[in-house]
Amino acid sequence: MRLHTSIYSASGKHKKTVKGINLVTLFFTDLKGGIRLPVNFRVVNPDDNKTKNQYFQEMIEEIISWGLPFAWVTGDSWYSSLENLKFLRKRNLNALFGVENNRIFSEEKGSYIQAQKIE
């Protein structure tokens, strides 16, 4: 495996492509116990030919296999793809993700509406 230290990737903060290490992290939070710590991560390696969503799913599978108890999976809009939501539903996991305001939803079969237009 080759570790890339100068990868160009999209930056939400800078709103453009920047030079840096592209890291996908799962972060565990226990509000009752006051625990907040990273529990799994991947350095995105272009040679792997994997998407951030594939890394995300691999990491979720791993922490399930470790027996780490968690009630919810949360994330920003980057991880709110239909593929990820189906992946989590198949495993009976609760999920809460941000969505872009132009995301399309179906409140009833055959009828679609953008998130920004939902009352």
PDB file of N, CA and C in Angstrom:
ATOM      1  N   MET A   1       0.840  -1.178   0.000  1.00  0.00           N
ATOM      2  CA  MET A   1       0.000   0.000   0.000  1.00  0.00           C
ATOM      3  C   MET A   1       0.882   1.238   0.000  1.00  0.00           C
ATOM      4  N   ARG A   2       0.443   2.234  -0.697  1.00  0.00           N
ATOM      5  CA  ARG A   2       1.172   3.479  -0.779  1.00  0.00           C
ATOM      6  C   ARG A   2       0.395   4.547  -0.022  1.00  0.00           C
ATOM      7  N   LEU A   3       1.030   5.219   0.902  1.00  0.00           N
ATOM      8  CA  LEU A   3       0.385   6.295   1.646  1.00  0.00           C
ATOM      9  C   LEU A   3       0.623   7.601   0.912  1.00  0.00           C
ATOM     10  N   HIS A   4      -0.471   8.236   0.550  1.00  0.00           N
ATOM     11  CA  HIS A   4      -0.376   9.510  -0.165  1.00  0.00           C
ATOM     12  C   HIS A   4      -0.393  10.650   0.848  1.00  0.00           C
ATOM     13  N   THR A   5       0.632  11.472   0.806  1.00  0.00           N
ATOM     14  CA  THR A   5       0.667  12.619   1.702  1.00  0.00           C
ATOM     15  C   THR A   5       0.325  13.910   0.974  1.00  0.00           C
ATOM     16  N   SER A   6       0.207  13.857  -0.328  1.00  0.00           N
ATOM     17  CA  SER A   6      -0.160  15.065  -1.065  1.00  0.00           C
ATOM     18  C   SER A   6      -1.272  14.717  -2.057  1.00  0.00           C
ATOM     19  N   ILE A   7      -2.441  14.511  -1.522  1.00  0.00           N
ATOM     20  CA  ILE A   7      -3.613  14.186  -2.324  1.00  0.00           C
ATOM     21  C   ILE A   7      -4.415  15.468  -2.513  1.00  0.00           C
ATOM     22  N   TYR A   8      -4.943  15.652  -3.694  1.00  0.00           N
ATOM     23  CA  TYR A   8      -5.842  16.772  -3.931  1.00  0.00           C
ATOM     24  C   TYR A   8      -7.257  16.255  -3.783  1.00  0.00           C
ATOM     25  N   SER A   9      -8.057  16.922  -2.974  1.00  0.00           N
ATOM     26  CA  SER A   9      -9.438  16.498  -2.777  1.00  0.00           C
ATOM     27  C   SER A   9     -10.324  17.712  -2.531  1.00  0.00           C
ATOM     28  N   ALA A  10     -11.626  17.486  -2.684  1.00  0.00           N
ATOM     29  CA  ALA A  10     -12.593  18.567  -2.487  1.00  0.00           C
ATOM     30  C   ALA A  10     -12.668  18.921  -1.010  1.00  0.00           C
ATOM     31  N   SER A  11     -12.704  20.202  -0.727  1.00  0.00           N
ATOM     32  CA  SER A  11     -12.787  20.679   0.642  1.00  0.00           C
ATOM     33  C   SER A  11     -14.093  21.432   0.837  1.00  0.00           C
ATOM     34  N   GLY A  12     -14.907  20.956   1.788  1.00  0.00           N
ATOM     35  CA  GLY A  12     -16.131  21.668   2.124  1.00  0.00           C
ATOM     36  C   GLY A  12     -15.826  23.016   2.748  1.00  0.00           C
ATOM     37  N   LYS A  13     -14.757  23.072   3.521  1.00  0.00           N
ATOM     38  CA  LYS A  13     -14.383  24.316   4.195  1.00  0.00           C
ATOM     39  C   LYS A  13     -13.933  25.383   3.202  1.00  0.00           C
ATOM     40  N   HIS A  14     -13.099  24.977   2.236  1.00  0.00           N
ATOM     41  CA  HIS A  14     -12.527  25.935   1.299  1.00  0.00           C
ATOM     42  C   HIS A  14     -13.345  26.082   0.017  1.00  0.00           C
ATOM     43  N   LYS A  15     -14.330  25.214  -0.194  1.00  0.00           N
ATOM     44  CA  LYS A  15     -15.191  25.250  -1.389  1.00  0.00           C
ATOM     45  C   LYS A  15     -14.393  25.123  -2.686  1.00  0.00           C
ATOM     46  N   LYS A  16     -13.316  24.335  -2.632  1.00  0.00           N
ATOM     47  CA  LYS A  16     -12.498  24.086  -3.820  1.00  0.00           C
ATOM     48  C   LYS A  16     -11.613  22.866  -3.552  1.00  0.00           C
ATOM     49  N   THR A  17     -10.865  22.452  -4.554  1.00  0.00           N
ATOM     50  CA  THR A  17      -9.921  21.360  -4.403  1.00  0.00           C
ATOM     51  C   THR A  17      -8.663  21.887  -3.725  1.00  0.00           C
ATOM     52  N   VAL A  18      -8.219  21.164  -2.701  1.00  0.00           N
ATOM     53  CA  VAL A  18      -7.031  21.574  -1.954  1.00  0.00           C
ATOM     54  C   VAL A  18      -6.083  20.388  -1.801  1.00  0.00           C
ATOM     55  N   LYS A  19      -4.826  20.692  -1.477  1.00  0.00           N
ATOM     56  CA  LYS A  19      -3.814  19.670  -1.256  1.00  0.00           C
ATOM     57  C   LYS A  19      -3.854  19.246   0.202  1.00  0.00           C
ATOM     58  N   GLY A  20      -3.882  17.945   0.457  1.00  0.00           N
ATOM     59  CA  GLY A  20      -3.897  17.461   1.830  1.00  0.00           C
ATOM     60  C   GLY A  20      -4.192  15.982   1.895  1.00  0.00           C
ATOM     61  N   ILE A  21      -4.360  15.462   3.082  1.00  0.00           N
ATOM     62  CA  ILE A  21      -4.698  14.055   3.289  1.00  0.00           C
ATOM     63  C   ILE A  21      -6.208  13.957   3.425  1.00  0.00           C
ATOM     64  N   ASN A  22      -6.799  13.085   2.646  1.00  0.00           N
ATOM     65  CA  ASN A  22      -8.241  12.890   2.658  1.00  0.00           C
ATOM     66  C   ASN A  22      -8.549  11.765   3.640  1.00  0.00           C
ATOM     67  N   LEU A  23      -9.154  12.097   4.765  1.00  0.00           N
ATOM     68  CA  LEU A  23      -9.385  11.160   5.851  1.00  0.00           C
ATOM     69  C   LEU A  23     -10.882  11.005   6.113  1.00  0.00           C
ATOM     70  N   VAL A  24     -11.346   9.767   6.203  1.00  0.00           N
ATOM     71  CA  VAL A  24     -12.725   9.468   6.578  1.00  0.00           C
ATOM     72  C   VAL A  24     -12.674   8.897   7.991  1.00  0.00           C
ATOM     73  N   THR A  25     -13.441   9.489   8.918  1.00  0.00           N
ATOM     74  CA  THR A  25     -13.382   9.111  10.324  1.00  0.00           C
ATOM     75  C   THR A  25     -14.760   8.804  10.877  1.00  0.00           C
ATOM     76  N   LEU A  26     -14.869   7.732  11.675  1.00  0.00           N
ATOM     77  CA  LEU A  26     -16.069   7.476  12.465  1.00  0.00           C
ATOM     78  C   LEU A  26     -15.758   7.929  13.885  1.00  0.00           C
ATOM     79  N   PHE A  27     -16.621   8.750  14.414  1.00  0.00           N
ATOM     80  CA  PHE A  27     -16.416   9.365  15.721  1.00  0.00           C
ATOM     81  C   PHE A  27     -17.524   8.897  16.651  1.00  0.00           C
ATOM     82  N   PHE A  28     -17.175   8.356  17.808  1.00  0.00           N
ATOM     83  CA  PHE A  28     -18.137   7.829  18.784  1.00  0.00           C
ATOM     84  C   PHE A  28     -18.390   8.865  19.867  1.00  0.00           C
ATOM     85  N   THR A  29     -19.673   9.064  20.192  1.00  0.00           N
ATOM     86  CA  THR A  29     -20.031   9.991  21.257  1.00  0.00           C
ATOM     87  C   THR A  29     -20.985   9.304  22.212  1.00  0.00           C
ATOM     88  N   ASP A  30     -20.655   9.312  23.488  1.00  0.00           N
ATOM     89  CA  ASP A  30     -21.538   8.814  24.542  1.00  0.00           C
ATOM     90  C   ASP A  30     -21.890  10.019  25.406  1.00  0.00           C
ATOM     91  N   LEU A  31     -23.102  10.566  25.182  1.00  0.00           N
ATOM     92  CA  LEU A  31     -23.490  11.783  25.884  1.00  0.00           C
ATOM     93  C   LEU A  31     -23.592  11.585  27.388  1.00  0.00           C
ATOM     94  N   LYS A  32     -24.070  10.418  27.827  1.00  0.00           N
ATOM     95  CA  LYS A  32     -24.219  10.164  29.269  1.00  0.00           C
ATOM     96  C   LYS A  32     -22.872  10.056  29.960  1.00  0.00           C
ATOM     97  N   GLY A  33     -21.928   9.380  29.297  1.00  0.00           N
ATOM     98  CA  GLY A  33     -20.612   9.176  29.906  1.00  0.00           C
ATOM     99  C   GLY A  33     -19.603  10.250  29.568  1.00  0.00           C
ATOM    100  N   GLY A  34     -19.982  11.183  28.687  1.00  0.00           N
ATOM    101  CA  GLY A  34     -19.065  12.254  28.313  1.00  0.00           C
ATOM    102  C   GLY A  34     -17.899  11.795  27.471  1.00  0.00           C
ATOM    103  N   ILE A  35     -18.048  10.667  26.778  1.00  0.00           N
ATOM    104  CA  ILE A  35     -16.954  10.123  25.968  1.00  0.00           C
ATOM    105  C   ILE A  35     -17.118  10.569  24.521  1.00  0.00           C
ATOM    106  N   ARG A  36     -16.049  11.080  23.947  1.00  0.00           N
ATOM    107  CA  ARG A  36     -16.024  11.493  22.546  1.00  0.00           C
ATOM    108  C   ARG A  36     -14.668  11.109  21.974  1.00  0.00           C
ATOM    109  N   LEU A  37     -14.652  10.144  21.039  1.00  0.00           N
ATOM    110  CA  LEU A  37     -13.372   9.734  20.476  1.00  0.00           C
ATOM    111  C   LEU A  37     -13.538   9.066  19.123  1.00  0.00           C
ATOM    112  N   PRO A  38     -12.503   9.182  18.267  1.00  0.00           N
ATOM    113  CA  PRO A  38     -12.558   8.480  16.975  1.00  0.00           C
ATOM    114  C   PRO A  38     -12.411   6.979  17.204  1.00  0.00           C
ATOM    115  N   VAL A  39     -13.209   6.191  16.488  1.00  0.00           N
ATOM    116  CA  VAL A  39     -13.157   4.739  16.672  1.00  0.00           C
ATOM    117  C   VAL A  39     -12.728   3.990  15.416  1.00  0.00           C
ATOM    118  N   ASN A  40     -12.743   4.652  14.267  1.00  0.00           N
ATOM    119  CA  ASN A  40     -12.318   3.999  13.036  1.00  0.00           C
ATOM    120  C   ASN A  40     -12.008   5.084  12.013  1.00  0.00           C
ATOM    121  N   PHE A  41     -11.078   4.817  11.120  1.00  0.00           N
ATOM    122  CA  PHE A  41     -10.740   5.801  10.094  1.00  0.00           C
ATOM    123  C   PHE A  41     -10.155   5.120   8.871  1.00  0.00           C
ATOM    124  N   ARG A  42     -10.161   5.837   7.780  1.00  0.00           N
ATOM    125  CA  ARG A  42      -9.504   5.418   6.554  1.00  0.00           C
ATOM    126  C   ARG A  42      -8.831   6.633   5.931  1.00  0.00           C
ATOM    127  N   VAL A  43      -7.600   6.447   5.486  1.00  0.00           N
ATOM    128  CA  VAL A  43      -6.955   7.426   4.631  1.00  0.00           C
ATOM    129  C   VAL A  43      -7.378   7.055   3.219  1.00  0.00           C
ATOM    130  N   VAL A  44      -8.035   7.976   2.534  1.00  0.00           N
ATOM    131  CA  VAL A  44      -8.511   7.688   1.185  1.00  0.00           C
ATOM    132  C   VAL A  44      -7.308   7.521   0.271  1.00  0.00           C
ATOM    133  N   ASN A  45      -7.210   6.353  -0.338  1.00  0.00           N
ATOM    134  CA  ASN A  45      -6.104   6.020  -1.230  1.00  0.00           C
ATOM    135  C   ASN A  45      -6.677   5.835  -2.630  1.00  0.00           C
ATOM    136  N   PRO A  46      -6.341   6.718  -3.567  1.00  0.00           N
ATOM    137  CA  PRO A  46      -6.875   6.604  -4.923  1.00  0.00           C
ATOM    138  C   PRO A  46      -6.589   5.248  -5.578  1.00  0.00           C
ATOM    139  N   ASP A  47      -5.513   4.584  -5.163  1.00  0.00           N
ATOM    140  CA  ASP A  47      -5.175   3.280  -5.727  1.00  0.00           C
ATOM    141  C   ASP A  47      -6.171   2.196  -5.324  1.00  0.00           C
ATOM    142  N   ASP A  48      -6.953   2.430  -4.243  1.00  0.00           N
ATOM    143  CA  ASP A  48      -7.962   1.459  -3.798  1.00  0.00           C
ATOM    144  C   ASP A  48      -9.188   1.454  -4.701  1.00  0.00           C
ATOM    145  N   ASN A  49      -9.378   2.504  -5.486  1.00  0.00           N
ATOM    146  CA  ASN A  49     -10.568   2.650  -6.334  1.00  0.00           C
ATOM    147  C   ASN A  49     -11.854   2.509  -5.533  1.00  0.00           C
ATOM    148  N   LYS A  50     -11.877   3.111  -4.329  1.00  0.00           N
ATOM    149  CA  LYS A  50     -13.067   3.086  -3.481  1.00  0.00           C
ATOM    150  C   LYS A  50     -13.549   4.507  -3.255  1.00  0.00           C
ATOM    151  N   THR A  51     -14.856   4.638  -3.083  1.00  0.00           N
ATOM    152  CA  THR A  51     -15.434   5.936  -2.763  1.00  0.00           C
ATOM    153  C   THR A  51     -15.443   6.133  -1.248  1.00  0.00           C
ATOM    154  N   LYS A  52     -15.678   7.373  -0.812  1.00  0.00           N
ATOM    155  CA  LYS A  52     -15.815   7.634   0.615  1.00  0.00           C
ATOM    156  C   LYS A  52     -16.988   6.845   1.184  1.00  0.00           C
ATOM    157  N   ASN A  53     -18.035   6.665   0.391  1.00  0.00           N
ATOM    158  CA  ASN A  53     -19.187   5.889   0.848  1.00  0.00           C
ATOM    159  C   ASN A  53     -18.820   4.421   1.067  1.00  0.00           C
ATOM    160  N   GLN A  54     -17.980   3.861   0.220  1.00  0.00           N
ATOM    161  CA  GLN A  54     -17.533   2.473   0.409  1.00  0.00           C
ATOM    162  C   GLN A  54     -16.682   2.348   1.669  1.00  0.00           C
ATOM    163  N   TYR A  55     -15.799   3.313   1.901  1.00  0.00           N
ATOM    164  CA  TYR A  55     -15.013   3.307   3.144  1.00  0.00           C
ATOM    165  C   TYR A  55     -15.945   3.397   4.351  1.00  0.00           C
ATOM    166  N   PHE A  56     -16.922   4.298   4.291  1.00  0.00           N
ATOM    167  CA  PHE A  56     -17.899   4.474   5.367  1.00  0.00           C
ATOM    168  C   PHE A  56     -18.589   3.148   5.685  1.00  0.00           C
ATOM    169  N   GLN A  57     -19.077   2.453   4.663  1.00  0.00           N
ATOM    170  CA  GLN A  57     -19.776   1.186   4.874  1.00  0.00           C
ATOM    171  C   GLN A  57     -18.851   0.124   5.459  1.00  0.00           C
ATOM    172  N   GLU A  58     -17.619   0.058   4.987  1.00  0.00           N
ATOM    173  CA  GLU A  58     -16.643  -0.891   5.549  1.00  0.00           C
ATOM    174  C   GLU A  58     -16.428  -0.630   7.035  1.00  0.00           C
ATOM    175  N   MET A  59     -16.282   0.633   7.401  1.00  0.00           N
ATOM    176  CA  MET A  59     -16.018   0.983   8.792  1.00  0.00           C
ATOM    177  C   MET A  59     -17.215   0.671   9.682  1.00  0.00           C
ATOM    178  N   ILE A  60     -18.426   0.922   9.190  1.00  0.00           N
ATOM    179  CA  ILE A  60     -19.624   0.571   9.958  1.00  0.00           C
ATOM    180  C   ILE A  60     -19.665  -0.933  10.191  1.00  0.00           C
ATOM    181  N   GLU A  61     -19.403  -1.723   9.133  1.00  0.00           N
ATOM    182  CA  GLU A  61     -19.375  -3.188   9.276  1.00  0.00           C
ATOM    183  C   GLU A  61     -18.359  -3.609  10.331  1.00  0.00           C
ATOM    184  N   GLU A  62     -17.187  -2.969  10.325  1.00  0.00           N
ATOM    185  CA  GLU A  62     -16.150  -3.318  11.296  1.00  0.00           C
ATOM    186  C   GLU A  62     -16.590  -3.041  12.727  1.00  0.00           C
ATOM    187  N   ILE A  63     -17.132  -1.851  12.984  1.00  0.00           N
ATOM    188  CA  ILE A  63     -17.496  -1.553  14.374  1.00  0.00           C
ATOM    189  C   ILE A  63     -18.663  -2.413  14.849  1.00  0.00           C
ATOM    190  N   ILE A  64     -19.532  -2.822  13.924  1.00  0.00           N
ATOM    191  CA  ILE A  64     -20.585  -3.779  14.293  1.00  0.00           C
ATOM    192  C   ILE A  64     -19.942  -5.096  14.707  1.00  0.00           C
ATOM    193  N   SER A  65     -18.952  -5.565  13.928  1.00  0.00           N
ATOM    194  CA  SER A  65     -18.289  -6.837  14.242  1.00  0.00           C
ATOM    195  C   SER A  65     -17.508  -6.763  15.556  1.00  0.00           C
ATOM    196  N   TRP A  66     -17.057  -5.566  15.950  1.00  0.00           N
ATOM    197  CA  TRP A  66     -16.344  -5.389  17.211  1.00  0.00           C
ATOM    198  C   TRP A  66     -17.288  -5.411  18.405  1.00  0.00           C
ATOM    199  N   GLY A  67     -18.582  -5.221  18.147  1.00  0.00           N
ATOM    200  CA  GLY A  67     -19.545  -5.184  19.240  1.00  0.00           C
ATOM    201  C   GLY A  67     -19.655  -3.826  19.916  1.00  0.00           C
ATOM    202  N   LEU A  68     -19.186  -2.778  19.254  1.00  0.00           N
ATOM    203  CA  LEU A  68     -19.296  -1.440  19.825  1.00  0.00           C
ATOM    204  C   LEU A  68     -20.775  -1.040  19.881  1.00  0.00           C
ATOM    205  N   PRO A  69     -21.299  -0.772  21.072  1.00  0.00           N
ATOM    206  CA  PRO A  69     -22.723  -0.433  21.182  1.00  0.00           C
ATOM    207  C   PRO A  69     -22.982   1.022  20.777  1.00  0.00           C
ATOM    208  N   PHE A  70     -23.882   1.210  19.816  1.00  0.00           N
ATOM    209  CA  PHE A  70     -24.266   2.565  19.428  1.00  0.00           C
ATOM    210  C   PHE A  70     -25.732   2.550  19.016  1.00  0.00           C
ATOM    211  N   ALA A  71     -26.388   3.680  19.197  1.00  0.00           N
ATOM    212  CA  ALA A  71     -27.822   3.777  18.927  1.00  0.00           C
ATOM    213  C   ALA A  71     -28.114   4.473  17.602  1.00  0.00           C
ATOM    214  N   TRP A  72     -27.270   5.383  17.190  1.00  0.00           N
ATOM    215  CA  TRP A  72     -27.499   6.177  15.994  1.00  0.00           C
ATOM    216  C   TRP A  72     -26.231   6.314  15.175  1.00  0.00           C
ATOM    217  N   VAL A  73     -26.411   6.456  13.860  1.00  0.00           N
ATOM    218  CA  VAL A  73     -25.342   6.835  12.945  1.00  0.00           C
ATOM    219  C   VAL A  73     -25.736   8.203  12.405  1.00  0.00           C
ATOM    220  N   THR A  74     -24.874   9.202  12.602  1.00  0.00           N
ATOM    221  CA  THR A  74     -25.161  10.544  12.103  1.00  0.00           C
ATOM    222  C   THR A  74     -24.043  10.983  11.165  1.00  0.00           C
ATOM    223  N   GLY A  75     -24.353  11.940  10.312  1.00  0.00           N
ATOM    224  CA  GLY A  75     -23.334  12.429   9.400  1.00  0.00           C
ATOM    225  C   GLY A  75     -23.803  13.621   8.609  1.00  0.00           C
ATOM    226  N   ASP A  76     -22.866  14.199   7.865  1.00  0.00           N
ATOM    227  CA  ASP A  76     -23.226  15.338   7.031  1.00  0.00           C
ATOM    228  C   ASP A  76     -23.809  14.852   5.708  1.00  0.00           C
ATOM    229  N   SER A  77     -24.159  15.805   4.870  1.00  0.00           N
ATOM    230  CA  SER A  77     -24.863  15.470   3.632  1.00  0.00           C
ATOM    231  C   SER A  77     -24.036  14.608   2.677  1.00  0.00           C
ATOM    232  N   TRP A  78     -22.718  14.615   2.830  1.00  0.00           N
ATOM    233  CA  TRP A  78     -21.868  13.802   1.947  1.00  0.00           C
ATOM    234  C   TRP A  78     -22.252  12.321   2.050  1.00  0.00           C
ATOM    235  N   TYR A  79     -22.651  11.865   3.225  1.00  0.00           N
ATOM    236  CA  TYR A  79     -22.936  10.454   3.456  1.00  0.00           C
ATOM    237  C   TYR A  79     -24.423  10.115   3.412  1.00  0.00           C
ATOM    238  N   SER A  80     -25.264  11.039   2.960  1.00  0.00           N
ATOM    239  CA  SER A  80     -26.709  10.793   2.945  1.00  0.00           C
ATOM    240  C   SER A  80     -27.190  10.206   1.623  1.00  0.00           C
ATOM    241  N   SER A  81     -26.321   9.501   0.925  1.00  0.00           N
ATOM    242  CA  SER A  81     -26.719   8.898  -0.348  1.00  0.00           C
ATOM    243  C   SER A  81     -27.758   7.804  -0.113  1.00  0.00           C
ATOM    244  N   LEU A  82     -28.563   7.556  -1.118  1.00  0.00           N
ATOM    245  CA  LEU A  82     -29.571   6.506  -1.031  1.00  0.00           C
ATOM    246  C   LEU A  82     -28.920   5.160  -0.733  1.00  0.00           C
ATOM    247  N   GLU A  83     -27.768   4.909  -1.339  1.00  0.00           N
ATOM    248  CA  GLU A  83     -27.036   3.656  -1.109  1.00  0.00           C
ATOM    249  C   GLU A  83     -26.669   3.488   0.371  1.00  0.00           C
ATOM    250  N   ASN A  84     -26.175   4.547   1.000  1.00  0.00           N
ATOM    251  CA  ASN A  84     -25.815   4.478   2.418  1.00  0.00           C
ATOM    252  C   ASN A  84     -27.049   4.311   3.295  1.00  0.00           C
ATOM    253  N   LEU A  85     -28.119   5.029   2.973  1.00  0.00           N
ATOM    254  CA  LEU A  85     -29.341   4.919   3.776  1.00  0.00           C
ATOM    255  C   LEU A  85     -29.926   3.511   3.694  1.00  0.00           C
ATOM    256  N   LYS A  86     -29.900   2.907   2.513  1.00  0.00           N
ATOM    257  CA  LYS A  86     -30.373   1.522   2.368  1.00  0.00           C
ATOM    258  C   LYS A  86     -29.467   0.557   3.120  1.00  0.00           C
ATOM    259  N   PHE A  87     -28.161   0.809   3.064  1.00  0.00           N
ATOM    260  CA  PHE A  87     -27.177  -0.006   3.782  1.00  0.00           C
ATOM    261  C   PHE A  87     -27.490  -0.009   5.278  1.00  0.00           C
ATOM    262  N   LEU A  88     -27.750   1.170   5.847  1.00  0.00           N
ATOM    263  CA  LEU A  88     -28.041   1.289   7.274  1.00  0.00           C
ATOM    264  C   LEU A  88     -29.397   0.679   7.621  1.00  0.00           C
ATOM    265  N   ARG A  89     -30.398   0.889   6.765  1.00  0.00           N
ATOM    266  CA  ARG A  89     -31.728   0.323   7.021  1.00  0.00           C
ATOM    267  C   ARG A  89     -31.684  -1.201   7.019  1.00  0.00           C
ATOM    268  N   LYS A  90     -30.911  -1.773   6.100  1.00  0.00           N
ATOM    269  CA  LYS A  90     -30.780  -3.237   6.009  1.00  0.00           C
ATOM    270  C   LYS A  90     -30.218  -3.826   7.310  1.00  0.00           C
ATOM    271  N   ARG A  91     -29.417  -3.023   8.018  1.00  0.00           N
ATOM    272  CA  ARG A  91     -28.808  -3.461   9.279  1.00  0.00           C
ATOM    273  C   ARG A  91     -29.599  -2.977  10.498  1.00  0.00           C
ATOM    274  N   ASN A  92     -30.784  -2.433  10.247  1.00  0.00           N
ATOM    275  CA  ASN A  92     -31.674  -1.944  11.311  1.00  0.00           C
ATOM    276  C   ASN A  92     -30.998  -0.895  12.195  1.00  0.00           C
ATOM    277  N   LEU A  93     -30.244   0.002  11.578  1.00  0.00           N
ATOM    278  CA  LEU A  93     -29.559   1.062  12.312  1.00  0.00           C
ATOM    279  C   LEU A  93     -30.304   2.379  12.146  1.00  0.00           C
ATOM    280  N   ASN A  94     -30.462   3.114  13.234  1.00  0.00           N
ATOM    281  CA  ASN A  94     -31.059   4.449  13.188  1.00  0.00           C
ATOM    282  C   ASN A  94     -30.065   5.397  12.552  1.00  0.00           C
ATOM    283  N   ALA A  95     -30.564   6.318  11.720  1.00  0.00           N
ATOM    284  CA  ALA A  95     -29.669   7.243  11.034  1.00  0.00           C
ATOM    285  C   ALA A  95     -30.252   8.642  10.990  1.00  0.00           C
ATOM    286  N   LEU A  96     -29.368   9.626  11.077  1.00  0.00           N
ATOM    287  CA  LEU A  96     -29.746  11.026  10.976  1.00  0.00           C
ATOM    288  C   LEU A  96     -28.630  11.739  10.210  1.00  0.00           C
ATOM    289  N   PHE A  97     -28.971  12.245   9.020  1.00  0.00           N
ATOM    290  CA  PHE A  97     -27.983  12.892   8.161  1.00  0.00           C
ATOM    291  C   PHE A  97     -28.487  14.244   7.692  1.00  0.00           C
ATOM    292  N   GLY A  98     -27.557  15.154   7.482  1.00  0.00           N
ATOM    293  CA  GLY A  98     -27.897  16.410   6.842  1.00  0.00           C
ATOM    294  C   GLY A  98     -28.182  16.150   5.374  1.00  0.00           C
ATOM    295  N   VAL A  99     -28.981  16.987   4.778  1.00  0.00           N
ATOM    296  CA  VAL A  99     -29.258  16.874   3.337  1.00  0.00           C
ATOM    297  C   VAL A  99     -29.167  18.258   2.702  1.00  0.00           C
ATOM    298  N   GLU A 100     -28.797  18.288   1.448  1.00  0.00           N
ATOM    299  CA  GLU A 100     -28.776  19.544   0.705  1.00  0.00           C
ATOM    300  C   GLU A 100     -30.216  19.973   0.431  1.00  0.00           C
ATOM    301  N   ASN A 101     -30.450  21.266   0.305  1.00  0.00           N
ATOM    302  CA  ASN A 101     -31.821  21.739   0.141  1.00  0.00           C
ATOM    303  C   ASN A 101     -32.439  21.383  -1.206  1.00  0.00           C
ATOM    304  N   ASN A 102     -31.630  20.949  -2.178  1.00  0.00           N
ATOM    305  CA  ASN A 102     -32.188  20.527  -3.464  1.00  0.00           C
ATOM    306  C   ASN A 102     -32.397  19.007  -3.549  1.00  0.00           C
ATOM    307  N   ARG A 103     -32.178  18.300  -2.448  1.00  0.00           N
ATOM    308  CA  ARG A 103     -32.383  16.852  -2.409  1.00  0.00           C
ATOM    309  C   ARG A 103     -33.852  16.539  -2.647  1.00  0.00           C
ATOM    310  N   ILE A 104     -34.131  15.528  -3.439  1.00  0.00           N
ATOM    311  CA  ILE A 104     -35.511  15.180  -3.787  1.00  0.00           C
ATOM    312  C   ILE A 104     -35.991  14.031  -2.914  1.00  0.00           C
ATOM    313  N   PHE A 105     -37.206  14.182  -2.369  1.00  0.00           N
ATOM    314  CA  PHE A 105     -37.838  13.171  -1.518  1.00  0.00           C
ATOM    315  C   PHE A 105     -39.179  12.783  -2.096  1.00  0.00           C
ATOM    316  N   SER A 106     -39.643  11.617  -1.706  1.00  0.00           N
ATOM    317  CA  SER A 106     -40.959  11.156  -2.108  1.00  0.00           C
ATOM    318  C   SER A 106     -41.795  10.929  -0.855  1.00  0.00           C
ATOM    319  N   GLU A 107     -42.806  11.746  -0.687  1.00  0.00           N
ATOM    320  CA  GLU A 107     -43.718  11.583   0.446  1.00  0.00           C
ATOM    321  C   GLU A 107     -44.785  10.539   0.128  1.00  0.00           C
ATOM    322  N   GLU A 108     -45.061  10.373  -1.159  1.00  0.00           N
ATOM    323  CA  GLU A 108     -45.967   9.317  -1.611  1.00  0.00           C
ATOM    324  C   GLU A 108     -45.458   8.818  -2.959  1.00  0.00           C
ATOM    325  N   LYS A 109     -45.700   7.576  -3.255  1.00  0.00           N
ATOM    326  CA  LYS A 109     -45.153   6.937  -4.456  1.00  0.00           C
ATOM    327  C   LYS A 109     -45.520   7.729  -5.711  1.00  0.00           C
ATOM    328  N   GLY A 110     -44.498   8.025  -6.524  1.00  0.00           N
ATOM    329  CA  GLY A 110     -44.694   8.731  -7.781  1.00  0.00           C
ATOM    330  C   GLY A 110     -44.732  10.239  -7.661  1.00  0.00           C
ATOM    331  N   SER A 111     -44.643  10.773  -6.460  1.00  0.00           N
ATOM    332  CA  SER A 111     -44.667  12.218  -6.241  1.00  0.00           C
ATOM    333  C   SER A 111     -43.374  12.622  -5.537  1.00  0.00           C
ATOM    334  N   TYR A 112     -42.656  13.581  -6.134  1.00  0.00           N
ATOM    335  CA  TYR A 112     -41.359  13.975  -5.602  1.00  0.00           C
ATOM    336  C   TYR A 112     -41.326  15.467  -5.307  1.00  0.00           C
ATOM    337  N   ILE A 113     -40.563  15.832  -4.267  1.00  0.00           N
ATOM    338  CA  ILE A 113     -40.463  17.227  -3.856  1.00  0.00           C
ATOM    339  C   ILE A 113     -39.066  17.493  -3.306  1.00  0.00           C
ATOM    340  N   GLN A 114     -38.547  18.710  -3.563  1.00  0.00           N
ATOM    341  CA  GLN A 114     -37.235  19.085  -3.030  1.00  0.00           C
ATOM    342  C   GLN A 114     -37.354  19.352  -1.528  1.00  0.00           C
ATOM    343  N   ALA A 115     -36.272  19.084  -0.816  1.00  0.00           N
ATOM    344  CA  ALA A 115     -36.249  19.272   0.640  1.00  0.00           C
ATOM    345  C   ALA A 115     -36.623  20.711   1.014  1.00  0.00           C
ATOM    346  N   GLN A 116     -36.161  21.686   0.262  1.00  0.00           N
ATOM    347  CA  GLN A 116     -36.441  23.078   0.582  1.00  0.00           C
ATOM    348  C   GLN A 116     -37.915  23.447   0.460  1.00  0.00           C
ATOM    349  N   LYS A 117     -38.706  22.603  -0.224  1.00  0.00           N
ATOM    350  CA  LYS A 117     -40.123  22.889  -0.417  1.00  0.00           C
ATOM    351  C   LYS A 117     -41.035  22.099   0.521  1.00  0.00           C
ATOM    352  N   ILE A 118     -40.438  21.236   1.343  1.00  0.00           N
ATOM    353  CA  ILE A 118     -41.238  20.470   2.299  1.00  0.00           C
ATOM    354  C   ILE A 118     -41.632  21.381   3.450  1.00  0.00           C
ATOM    355  N   GLU A 119     -42.904  21.364   3.794  1.00  0.00           N
ATOM    356  CA  GLU A 119     -43.394  22.226   4.889  1.00  0.00           C
ATOM    357  C   GLU A 119     -43.135  21.585   6.231  1.00  0.00           C
TER     358      GLU A 119
END
